[in-house]
C-alpha atoms as a PDB file:
ATOM      1  CA  MET A   1      48.825   7.374  57.174  1.00  0.00           C
ATOM      2  CA  LEU A   2      45.826   5.489  55.811  1.00  0.00           C
ATOM      3  CA  GLY A   3      47.374   5.307  52.307  1.00  0.00           C
ATOM      4  CA  ILE A   4      50.630   3.833  53.581  1.00  0.00           C
ATOM      5  CA  ARG A   5      48.743   1.128  55.475  1.00  0.00           C
ATOM      6  CA  PHE A   6      46.901   0.197  52.261  1.00  0.00           C
ATOM      7  CA  VAL A   7      50.193  -0.014  50.354  1.00  0.00           C
ATOM      8  CA  GLU A   8      51.506  -2.351  53.034  1.00  0.00           C
ATOM      9  CA  LYS A   9      48.356  -4.509  52.849  1.00  0.00           C
ATOM     10  CA  ALA A  10      48.569  -4.650  49.037  1.00  0.00           C
ATOM     11  CA  ILE A  11      52.208  -5.787  49.190  1.00  0.00           C
ATOM     12  CA  GLU A  12      51.399  -8.453  51.775  1.00  0.00           C
ATOM     13  CA  TYR A  13      48.456  -9.688  49.683  1.00  0.00           C
ATOM     14  CA  GLU A  14      50.608  -9.814  46.532  1.00  0.00           C
ATOM     15  CA  MET A  15      53.359 -11.721  48.336  1.00  0.00           C
ATOM     16  CA  ARG A  16      50.837 -14.372  49.427  1.00  0.00           C
ATOM     17  CA  ARG A  17      49.198 -14.443  45.961  1.00  0.00           C
ATOM     18  CA  HIS A  18      52.553 -14.888  44.181  1.00  0.00           C
ATOM     19  CA  ALA A  19      53.610 -17.622  46.635  1.00  0.00           C
ATOM     20  CA  ASP A  20      50.337 -19.507  46.033  1.00  0.00           C
ATOM     21  CA  ILE A  21      50.661 -19.214  42.231  1.00  0.00           C
ATOM     22  CA  LEU A  22      54.279 -20.412  42.236  1.00  0.00           C
ATOM     23  CA  ALA A  23      53.514 -23.223  44.708  1.00  0.00           C
ATOM     24  CA  SER A  24      50.828 -24.537  42.341  1.00  0.00           C
ATOM     25  CA  GLY A  25      53.394 -24.650  39.503  1.00  0.00           C
ATOM     26  CA  GLU A  26      51.905 -21.786  37.507  1.00  0.00           C
ATOM     27  CA  ASN A  27      53.639 -18.652  36.230  1.00  0.00           C
ATOM     28  CA  VAL A  28      52.986 -15.159  37.536  1.00  0.00           C
ATOM     29  CA  HIS A  29      51.781 -12.936  34.687  1.00  0.00           C
ATOM     30  CA  SER A  30      52.790  -9.298  34.286  1.00  0.00           C
ATOM     31  CA  GLU A  31      49.769  -7.138  34.872  1.00  0.00           C
ATOM     32  CA  THR A  32      48.591  -3.941  36.473  1.00  0.00           C
ATOM     33  CA  ARG A  33      46.669  -4.548  39.696  1.00  0.00           C
ATOM     34  CA  ARG A  34      44.966  -2.260  42.191  1.00  0.00           C
ATOM     35  CA  TYR A  35      44.205  -2.731  45.856  1.00  0.00           C
ATOM     36  CA  ASP A  36      40.567  -2.884  46.934  1.00  0.00           C
ATOM     37  CA  ALA A  37      40.291  -1.954  50.625  1.00  0.00           C
ATOM     38  CA  ALA A  38      36.719  -3.291  50.953  1.00  0.00           C
ATOM     39  CA  SER A  39      37.683  -6.833  49.946  1.00  0.00           C
ATOM     40  CA  ASP A  40      41.284  -6.505  51.250  1.00  0.00           C
ATOM     41  CA  LYS A  41      42.778  -7.900  48.038  1.00  0.00           C
ATOM     42  CA  THR A  42      44.270  -6.779  44.726  1.00  0.00           C
ATOM     43  CA  ILE A  43      42.272  -6.882  41.526  1.00  0.00           C
ATOM     44  CA  SER A  44      43.633  -7.278  37.999  1.00  0.00           C
ATOM     45  CA  MET A  45      43.101  -4.227  35.797  1.00  0.00           C
ATOM     46  CA  ARG A  46      44.986  -5.132  32.610  1.00  0.00           C
ATOM     47  CA  SER A  47      47.642  -7.499  31.289  1.00  0.00           C
ATOM     48  CA  LYS A  48      50.987  -5.989  30.367  1.00  0.00           C
ATOM     49  CA  GLU A  49      52.093  -8.463  27.693  1.00  0.00           C
ATOM     50  CA  ASP A  50      49.260  -7.662  25.280  1.00  0.00           C
ATOM     51  CA  ASN A  51      48.984  -3.928  25.789  1.00  0.00           C
ATOM     52  CA  LEU A  52      51.188  -1.794  23.513  1.00  0.00           C
ATOM     53  CA  ASP A  53      50.704   1.197  25.800  1.00  0.00           C
ATOM     54  CA  TYR A  54      53.295  -0.367  28.107  1.00  0.00           C
ATOM     55  CA  ARG A  55      55.932  -0.448  25.369  1.00  0.00           C
ATOM     56  CA  PHE A  56      56.626  -4.045  26.346  1.00  0.00           C
ATOM     57  CA  LEU A  57      59.698  -5.349  24.512  1.00  0.00           C
ATOM     58  CA  VAL A  58      60.363  -9.015  24.003  1.00  0.00           C
ATOM     59  CA  ASP A  59      64.013  -9.833  24.776  1.00  0.00           C
ATOM     60  CA  ALA A  60      64.507 -11.255  21.277  1.00  0.00           C
ATOM     61  CA  ASP A  61      64.070  -7.751  19.842  1.00  0.00           C
ATOM     62  CA  LEU A  62      67.097  -6.503  21.757  1.00  0.00           C
ATOM     63  CA  PRO A  63      70.487  -6.788  20.062  1.00  0.00           C
ATOM     64  CA  ILE A  64      73.098  -8.987  21.700  1.00  0.00           C
ATOM     65  CA  PHE A  65      75.716  -6.830  23.391  1.00  0.00           C
ATOM     66  CA  GLN A  66      79.022  -8.444  24.252  1.00  0.00           C
ATOM     67  CA  ILE A  67      82.166  -6.873  25.661  1.00  0.00           C
ATOM     68  CA  ASN A  68      85.506  -8.523  25.236  1.00  0.00           C
ATOM     69  CA  PRO A  69      86.860  -9.637  28.669  1.00  0.00           C
ATOM     70  CA  LEU A  70      90.266  -8.154  27.757  1.00  0.00           C
ATOM     71  CA  ARG A  71      88.636  -4.767  27.292  1.00  0.00           C
ATOM     72  CA  ILE A  72      86.952  -5.039  30.699  1.00  0.00           C
ATOM     73  CA  LYS A  73      90.313  -5.933  32.263  1.00  0.00           C
ATOM     74  CA  ALA A  74      92.025  -2.955  30.586  1.00  0.00           C
ATOM     75  CA  ILE A  75      89.302  -0.556  31.783  1.00  0.00           C
ATOM     76  CA  ARG A  76      89.569  -1.881  35.361  1.00  0.00           C
ATOM     77  CA  GLN A  77      93.340  -1.351  35.304  1.00  0.00           C
ATOM     78  CA  ARG A  78      92.939   2.237  34.077  1.00  0.00           C
ATOM     79  CA  MET A  79      90.285   2.950  36.713  1.00  0.00           C
ATOM     80  CA  GLY A  80      92.467   1.928  39.625  1.00  0.00           C
ATOM     81  CA  GLU A  81      91.101   1.226  43.060  1.00  0.00           C
ATOM     82  CA  ILE A  82      87.604   2.542  43.754  1.00  0.00           C
ATOM     83  CA  PRO A  83      87.326   5.308  46.395  1.00  0.00           C
ATOM     84  CA  PHE A  84      85.352   3.127  48.826  1.00  0.00           C
ATOM     85  CA  ASN A  85      88.166   0.555  48.921  1.00  0.00           C
ATOM     86  CA  GLN A  86      90.783   3.334  49.159  1.00  0.00           C
ATOM     87  CA  LYS A  87      88.999   4.737  52.204  1.00  0.00           C
ATOM     88  CA  LEU A  88      88.748   1.353  53.905  1.00  0.00           C
ATOM     89  CA  LYS A  89      92.423   0.668  53.230  1.00  0.00           C
ATOM     90  CA  MET A  90      93.478   4.078  54.538  1.00  0.00           C
ATOM     91  CA  SER A  91      91.370   3.613  57.667  1.00  0.00           C
ATOM     92  CA  LYS A  92      92.924   0.205  58.302  1.00  0.00           C
ATOM     93  CA  ASP A  93      96.514   1.160  57.411  1.00  0.00           C
ATOM     94  CA  PHE A  94      96.589   4.362  59.456  1.00  0.00           C
ATOM     95  CA  GLY A  95      94.170   3.446  62.246  1.00  0.00           C
ATOM     96  CA  LEU A  96      91.936   6.405  61.435  1.00  0.00           C
ATOM     97  CA  SER A  97      88.179   6.519  61.814  1.00  0.00           C
ATOM     98  CA  ILE A  98      86.056   6.473  58.673  1.00  0.00           C
ATOM     99  CA  THR A  99      84.991  10.039  59.532  1.00  0.00           C
ATOM    100  CA  ASP A 100      88.637  11.162  59.526  1.00  0.00           C
ATOM    101  CA  VAL A 101      89.253   9.383  56.228  1.00  0.00           C
ATOM    102  CA  GLN A 102      86.141  11.014  54.737  1.00  0.00           C
ATOM    103  CA  THR A 103      87.568  14.401  55.796  1.00  0.00           C
ATOM    104  CA  ILE A 104      90.838  13.589  54.021  1.00  0.00           C
ATOM    105  CA  PHE A 105      88.967  12.584  50.864  1.00  0.00           C
ATOM    106  CA  LEU A 106      87.094  15.909  50.811  1.00  0.00           C
ATOM    107  CA  GLN A 107      90.461  17.465  49.909  1.00  0.00           C
ATOM    108  CA  ARG A 108      91.571  14.809  47.375  1.00  0.00           C
ATOM    109  CA  ASP A 109      94.599  16.850  46.288  1.00  0.00           C
ATOM    110  CA  THR A 110      96.050  16.562  49.790  1.00  0.00           C
ATOM    111  CA  ILE A 111      95.863  12.744  49.964  1.00  0.00           C
ATOM    112  CA  PRO A 112      99.409  12.239  48.584  1.00  0.00           C
ATOM    113  CA  ILE A 113     100.661  14.984  50.915  1.00  0.00           C
ATOM    114  CA  PHE A 114      99.027  13.239  53.877  1.00  0.00           C
ATOM    115  CA  HIS A 115     100.744   9.975  52.895  1.00  0.00           C
ATOM    116  CA  ASP A 116     104.104  11.767  52.584  1.00  0.00           C
ATOM    117  CA  LEU A 117     103.631  13.486  55.950  1.00  0.00           C
ATOM    118  CA  VAL A 118     102.885  10.183  57.677  1.00  0.00           C
ATOM    119  CA  ALA A 119     105.910   8.578  56.023  1.00  0.00           C
ATOM    120  CA  SER A 120     108.314  11.442  56.811  1.00  0.00           C
ATOM    121  CA  SER A 121     107.088  12.316  60.298  1.00  0.00           C
ATOM    122  CA  ASN A 122     107.881  10.480  63.511  1.00  0.00           C
ATOM    123  CA  SER A 123     104.331  11.204  64.659  1.00  0.00           C
ATOM    124  CA  SER A 124     101.310   8.915  64.479  1.00  0.00           C
ATOM    125  CA  PRO A 125      98.908   9.182  61.537  1.00  0.00           C
ATOM    126  CA  SER A 126      96.202  10.470  63.905  1.00  0.00           C
ATOM    127  CA  SER A 127      98.546  13.233  65.074  1.00  0.00           C
ATOM    128  CA  VAL A 128      99.367  14.157  61.469  1.00  0.00           C
ATOM    129  CA  PHE A 129      95.635  14.167  60.708  1.00  0.00           C
ATOM    130  CA  ARG A 130      94.955  16.509  63.639  1.00  0.00           C
ATOM    131  CA  TRP A 131      97.641  18.924  62.494  1.00  0.00           C
ATOM    132  CA  LEU A 132      96.704  18.874  58.853  1.00  0.00           C
ATOM    133  CA  TYR A 133      92.917  18.809  58.955  1.00  0.00           C
ATOM    134  CA  GLN A 134      92.000  20.278  62.335  1.00  0.00           C
ATOM    135  CA  ASN A 135      94.699  22.875  62.984  1.00  0.00           C
ATOM    136  CA  LEU A 136      95.925  23.947  59.557  1.00  0.00           C
ATOM    137  CA  TYR A 137      92.826  23.337  57.426  1.00  0.00           C
ATOM    138  CA  GLY A 138      90.564  25.242  59.820  1.00  0.00           C
ATOM    139  CA  ASN A 139      92.763  28.327  59.586  1.00  0.00           C
ATOM    140  CA  VAL A 140      93.212  28.011  55.833  1.00  0.00           C
ATOM    141  CA  ALA A 141      89.458  27.699  55.248  1.00  0.00           C
ATOM    142  CA  LYS A 142      88.789  30.864  57.283  1.00  0.00           C
ATOM    143  CA  LYS A 143      90.958  32.777  54.812  1.00  0.00           C
ATOM    144  CA  ASP A 144      89.223  31.240  51.751  1.00  0.00           C
ATOM    145  CA  LEU A 145      92.419  29.504  50.675  1.00  0.00           C
ATOM    146  CA  GLU A 146      92.944  25.979  49.346  1.00  0.00           C
ATOM    147  CA  LEU A 147      94.784  23.591  51.661  1.00  0.00           C
ATOM    148  CA  ASN A 148      96.786  21.915  48.901  1.00  0.00           C
ATOM    149  CA  GLU A 149      97.956  25.329  47.582  1.00  0.00           C
ATOM    150  CA  VAL A 150      99.072  26.454  51.044  1.00  0.00           C
ATOM    151  CA  LEU A 151     100.932  23.190  51.589  1.00  0.00           C
ATOM    152  CA  ARG A 152     102.528  23.405  48.152  1.00  0.00           C
ATOM    153  CA  ASP A 153     103.465  27.085  48.247  1.00  0.00           C
ATOM    154  CA  HIS A 154     104.405  27.593  51.903  1.00  0.00           C
ATOM    155  CA  PHE A 155     105.294  24.182  53.292  1.00  0.00           C
ATOM    156  CA  GLU A 156     107.127  22.538  50.356  1.00  0.00           C
ATOM    157  CA  ASN A 157     104.258  20.062  49.854  1.00  0.00           C
ATOM    158  CA  GLY A 158     104.140  19.404  53.581  1.00  0.00           C
ATOM    159  CA  LYS A 159     107.850  18.783  54.209  1.00  0.00           C
ATOM    160  CA  LYS A 160     108.170  21.799  56.496  1.00  0.00           C
ATOM    161  CA  LEU A 161     104.943  20.865  58.251  1.00  0.00           C
ATOM    162  CA  SER A 162     106.374  17.429  59.026  1.00  0.00           C
ATOM    163  CA  TYR A 163     109.330  19.111  60.719  1.00  0.00           C
ATOM    164  CA  ILE A 164     107.026  21.419  62.735  1.00  0.00           C
ATOM    165  CA  ILE A 165     104.808  18.493  63.809  1.00  0.00           C
ATOM    166  CA  ASP A 166     107.834  16.563  65.047  1.00  0.00           C
ATOM    167  CA  LEU A 167     109.152  19.579  66.983  1.00  0.00           C
ATOM    168  CA  VAL A 168     105.816  20.093  68.730  1.00  0.00           C
ATOM    169  CA  GLU A 169     105.261  16.381  69.369  1.00  0.00           C
ATOM    170  CA  ASN A 170     108.740  16.127  70.938  1.00  0.00           C
ATOM    171  CA  LYS A 171     107.995  19.231  73.030  1.00  0.00           C
ATOM    172  CA  LYS A 172     110.875  21.169  71.464  1.00  0.00           C
ATOM    173  CA  LEU A 173     108.392  23.770  70.235  1.00  0.00           C
ATOM    174  CA  LEU A 174     105.173  24.931  71.869  1.00  0.00           C
ATOM    175  CA  SER A 175     102.060  25.055  69.736  1.00  0.00           C
END
């Protein structure tokens, strides 16, 4: 742990040194410094601006790179909503925990089916989630099958599952 403590001391020293330099109106120069534990301060080893070993590039050498704002707008439209925002929206809209939403997003192909099930079922989104991802998915995974394929091939993309969920929820069928 001795090395970590020295790193911490070096950072603290450099923070104070930079603050003092800036407070006096001077500029902080790019350089390589090392920490000396005996004197409890950092010591300059070499300047970075003059040393070609650092491959220091002056900004003027870099070509100007501009992207048309219309192109950025077109790319954003093609990209659609980012997954993070989709997850937050789904959590808010359906009252599901982020953990439940993360589970849904692990099987991205079933997201539209989940939406359809919630829309077509009289059950709550949390109940649909339980059926789809706790009951059905657990059994499907044990058999090395894909959930979206089972829903597509045996449940008409979830339509039959919606009917079964409603029957069980209304106690017309025992699970």
